Amino acid sequence: MLETGHTWHRCFKGAPEEARNLRRWVGERLRHTDAQTVAHELFVAVLGSKPVAIDATLSTSGDRVRISVGGESELSPLQTHGPGAVIVRALSTATGIRTDGCALWAEMRCHPNSQGQKAS
């Protein structure tokens, strides 16, 4: 059986006040309990590189939710392994750094009867 899912993408200003908009955007699309927290921690980590813009992508597939957040500059070890990374790892089933070093991602599992995304 093929898994179905959705993908959303949005570009945010590289500013701390955009974190609230990111959390709202994630909460409107994903029903996973920890999605907003994970997205927030990824966003804050990328903010450390002082980007002009931050790209966020949300994807669902079957019982999985994946969040990716990145900017235009390579992230430092503090950004990729700092305090926020501990939170992201604790709430996710898998995490990583995009191959260009400019983005972070996290994947989480949803409950078996949940598709991960909110109804449209």
C-alpha atoms as a PDB file:
ATOM      1  CA  MET A   1       0.000   0.000   0.000  1.00  0.00           C
ATOM      2  CA  LEU A   2       1.357   3.411  -0.919  1.00  0.00           C
ATOM      3  CA  GLU A   3       1.725   6.044   1.751  1.00  0.00           C
ATOM      4  CA  THR A   4       0.121   9.388   1.086  1.00  0.00           C
ATOM      5  CA  GLY A   5       1.086  12.734   2.505  1.00  0.00           C
ATOM      6  CA  HIS A   6       1.347  16.467   2.103  1.00  0.00           C
ATOM      7  CA  THR A   7       4.152  18.995   1.845  1.00  0.00           C
ATOM      8  CA  TRP A   8       4.074  22.683   2.764  1.00  0.00           C
ATOM      9  CA  HIS A   9       6.819  25.275   2.319  1.00  0.00           C
ATOM     10  CA  ARG A  10       7.085  28.811   3.644  1.00  0.00           C
ATOM     11  CA  CYS A  11       9.808  31.428   3.840  1.00  0.00           C
ATOM     12  CA  PHE A  12      10.052  33.492   7.051  1.00  0.00           C
ATOM     13  CA  LYS A  13      12.102  36.601   7.766  1.00  0.00           C
ATOM     14  CA  GLY A  14      15.310  35.797   9.627  1.00  0.00           C
ATOM     15  CA  ALA A  15      14.107  37.569  12.778  1.00  0.00           C
ATOM     16  CA  PRO A  16      13.269  36.310  16.291  1.00  0.00           C
ATOM     17  CA  GLU A  17       9.721  37.687  16.147  1.00  0.00           C
ATOM     18  CA  GLU A  18       8.993  35.303  13.262  1.00  0.00           C
ATOM     19  CA  ALA A  19       9.251  32.292  15.608  1.00  0.00           C
ATOM     20  CA  ARG A  20       5.659  32.881  16.740  1.00  0.00           C
ATOM     21  CA  ASN A  21       4.450  32.913  13.118  1.00  0.00           C
ATOM     22  CA  LEU A  22       6.328  29.673  12.451  1.00  0.00           C
ATOM     23  CA  ARG A  23       4.728  27.952  15.463  1.00  0.00           C
ATOM     24  CA  ARG A  24       1.260  29.094  14.380  1.00  0.00           C
ATOM     25  CA  TRP A  25       1.890  27.936  10.791  1.00  0.00           C
ATOM     26  CA  VAL A  26       3.056  24.504  11.976  1.00  0.00           C
ATOM     27  CA  GLY A  27       0.139  24.182  14.418  1.00  0.00           C
ATOM     28  CA  GLU A  28      -2.368  24.905  11.652  1.00  0.00           C
ATOM     29  CA  ARG A  29      -0.988  22.069   9.506  1.00  0.00           C
ATOM     30  CA  LEU A  30       0.256  19.317  11.799  1.00  0.00           C
ATOM     31  CA  ARG A  31      -1.533  17.639  14.672  1.00  0.00           C
ATOM     32  CA  HIS A  32       1.587  16.085  16.190  1.00  0.00           C
ATOM     33  CA  THR A  33       1.908  17.132  19.839  1.00  0.00           C
ATOM     34  CA  ASP A  34       5.592  18.084  19.576  1.00  0.00           C
ATOM     35  CA  ALA A  35       5.684  19.556  16.055  1.00  0.00           C
ATOM     36  CA  GLN A  36       5.522  23.202  17.134  1.00  0.00           C
ATOM     37  CA  THR A  37       8.246  22.756  19.761  1.00  0.00           C
ATOM     38  CA  VAL A  38      10.567  20.936  17.367  1.00  0.00           C
ATOM     39  CA  ALA A  39      10.009  23.503  14.594  1.00  0.00           C
ATOM     40  CA  HIS A  40      10.665  26.334  17.061  1.00  0.00           C
ATOM     41  CA  GLU A  41      13.963  24.823  18.249  1.00  0.00           C
ATOM     42  CA  LEU A  42      15.126  24.263  14.664  1.00  0.00           C
ATOM     43  CA  PHE A  43      14.167  27.849  13.778  1.00  0.00           C
ATOM     44  CA  VAL A  44      16.030  29.309  16.773  1.00  0.00           C
ATOM     45  CA  ALA A  45      19.136  27.284  15.914  1.00  0.00           C
ATOM     46  CA  VAL A  46      19.144  28.613  12.338  1.00  0.00           C
ATOM     47  CA  LEU A  47      18.607  32.181  13.621  1.00  0.00           C
ATOM     48  CA  GLY A  48      22.109  32.002  15.076  1.00  0.00           C
ATOM     49  CA  SER A  49      23.581  32.269  11.574  1.00  0.00           C
ATOM     50  CA  LYS A  50      21.809  35.653  11.178  1.00  0.00           C
ATOM     51  CA  PRO A  51      20.005  34.727   7.947  1.00  0.00           C
ATOM     52  CA  VAL A  52      17.985  37.201   5.930  1.00  0.00           C
ATOM     53  CA  ALA A  53      15.340  34.524   5.419  1.00  0.00           C
ATOM     54  CA  ILE A  54      14.573  31.110   6.859  1.00  0.00           C
ATOM     55  CA  ASP A  55      12.902  28.411   4.772  1.00  0.00           C
ATOM     56  CA  ALA A  56      10.666  25.892   6.521  1.00  0.00           C
ATOM     57  CA  THR A  57       9.232  22.729   4.999  1.00  0.00           C
ATOM     58  CA  LEU A  58       6.689  20.397   6.571  1.00  0.00           C
ATOM     59  CA  SER A  59       6.065  16.964   5.083  1.00  0.00           C
ATOM     60  CA  THR A  60       3.845  14.062   6.061  1.00  0.00           C
ATOM     61  CA  SER A  61       3.989  10.523   4.746  1.00  0.00           C
ATOM     62  CA  GLY A  62       2.008   7.734   6.333  1.00  0.00           C
ATOM     63  CA  ASP A  63       2.642   7.984  10.058  1.00  0.00           C
ATOM     64  CA  ARG A  64       5.706  10.245   9.715  1.00  0.00           C
ATOM     65  CA  VAL A  65       6.091  14.012  10.014  1.00  0.00           C
ATOM     66  CA  ARG A  66       9.283  15.718   8.846  1.00  0.00           C
ATOM     67  CA  ILE A  67      10.238  19.323   9.591  1.00  0.00           C
ATOM     68  CA  SER A  68      13.150  21.044   7.851  1.00  0.00           C
ATOM     69  CA  VAL A  69      14.357  24.570   8.624  1.00  0.00           C
ATOM     70  CA  GLY A  70      17.292  26.318   6.968  1.00  0.00           C
ATOM     71  CA  GLY A  71      18.978  29.527   5.941  1.00  0.00           C
ATOM     72  CA  GLU A  72      21.622  30.556   3.430  1.00  0.00           C
ATOM     73  CA  SER A  73      24.740  30.117   5.603  1.00  0.00           C
ATOM     74  CA  GLU A  74      26.467  27.048   6.970  1.00  0.00           C
ATOM     75  CA  LEU A  75      25.518  26.423  10.591  1.00  0.00           C
ATOM     76  CA  SER A  76      28.131  26.342  13.358  1.00  0.00           C
ATOM     77  CA  PRO A  77      28.618  23.378  15.728  1.00  0.00           C
ATOM     78  CA  LEU A  78      26.845  25.357  18.466  1.00  0.00           C
ATOM     79  CA  GLN A  79      23.788  25.706  16.246  1.00  0.00           C
ATOM     80  CA  THR A  80      23.754  22.066  15.184  1.00  0.00           C
ATOM     81  CA  HIS A  81      24.647  20.522  18.554  1.00  0.00           C
ATOM     82  CA  GLY A  82      23.616  23.176  21.106  1.00  0.00           C
ATOM     83  CA  PRO A  83      20.930  23.061  23.809  1.00  0.00           C
ATOM     84  CA  GLY A  84      18.068  23.118  21.299  1.00  0.00           C
ATOM     85  CA  ALA A  85      19.467  20.006  19.606  1.00  0.00           C
ATOM     86  CA  VAL A  86      18.997  18.091  22.863  1.00  0.00           C
ATOM     87  CA  ILE A  87      15.296  19.002  22.868  1.00  0.00           C
ATOM     88  CA  VAL A  88      14.866  18.143  19.189  1.00  0.00           C
ATOM     89  CA  ARG A  89      16.579  14.739  19.613  1.00  0.00           C
ATOM     90  CA  ALA A  90      14.436  13.935  22.655  1.00  0.00           C
ATOM     91  CA  LEU A  91      11.191  14.655  20.784  1.00  0.00           C
ATOM     92  CA  SER A  92      12.130  13.120  17.411  1.00  0.00           C
ATOM     93  CA  THR A  93      12.794   9.667  16.027  1.00  0.00           C
ATOM     94  CA  ALA A  94      15.535  10.974  13.696  1.00  0.00           C
ATOM     95  CA  THR A  95      17.367  14.277  13.198  1.00  0.00           C
ATOM     96  CA  GLY A  96      20.048  15.586  10.922  1.00  0.00           C
ATOM     97  CA  ILE A  97      21.821  18.350   9.072  1.00  0.00           C
ATOM     98  CA  ARG A  98      21.253  18.937   5.367  1.00  0.00           C
ATOM     99  CA  THR A  99      24.322  17.988   3.299  1.00  0.00           C
ATOM    100  CA  ASP A 100      25.168  21.648   2.572  1.00  0.00           C
ATOM    101  CA  GLY A 101      25.230  22.353   6.335  1.00  0.00           C
ATOM    102  CA  CYS A 102      22.682  25.188   6.068  1.00  0.00           C
ATOM    103  CA  ALA A 103      19.556  23.407   7.369  1.00  0.00           C
ATOM    104  CA  LEU A 104      18.400  21.118  10.151  1.00  0.00           C
ATOM    105  CA  TRP A 105      15.640  18.519   9.982  1.00  0.00           C
ATOM    106  CA  ALA A 106      13.729  16.270  12.352  1.00  0.00           C
ATOM    107  CA  GLU A 107      11.360  13.380  11.801  1.00  0.00           C
ATOM    108  CA  MET A 108       8.660  12.208  14.196  1.00  0.00           C
ATOM    109  CA  ARG A 109       6.156   9.368  14.208  1.00  0.00           C
ATOM    110  CA  CYS A 110       2.448   9.981  14.688  1.00  0.00           C
ATOM    111  CA  HIS A 111      -0.011   7.740  16.457  1.00  0.00           C
ATOM    112  CA  PRO A 112      -1.207   4.848  14.238  1.00  0.00           C
ATOM    113  CA  ASN A 113      -4.688   6.315  13.648  1.00  0.00           C
ATOM    114  CA  SER A 114      -3.422   9.839  12.984  1.00  0.00           C
ATOM    115  CA  GLN A 115      -2.290  11.053   9.578  1.00  0.00           C
ATOM    116  CA  GLY A 116      -0.094  13.763  11.029  1.00  0.00           C
ATOM    117  CA  GLN A 117      -1.757  16.648   9.233  1.00  0.00           C
ATOM    118  CA  LYS A 118      -4.867  18.524  10.230  1.00  0.00           C
ATOM    119  CA  ALA A 119      -7.978  18.242   8.114  1.00  0.00           C
ATOM    120  CA  SER A 120      -8.345  20.920   5.471  1.00  0.00           C
END
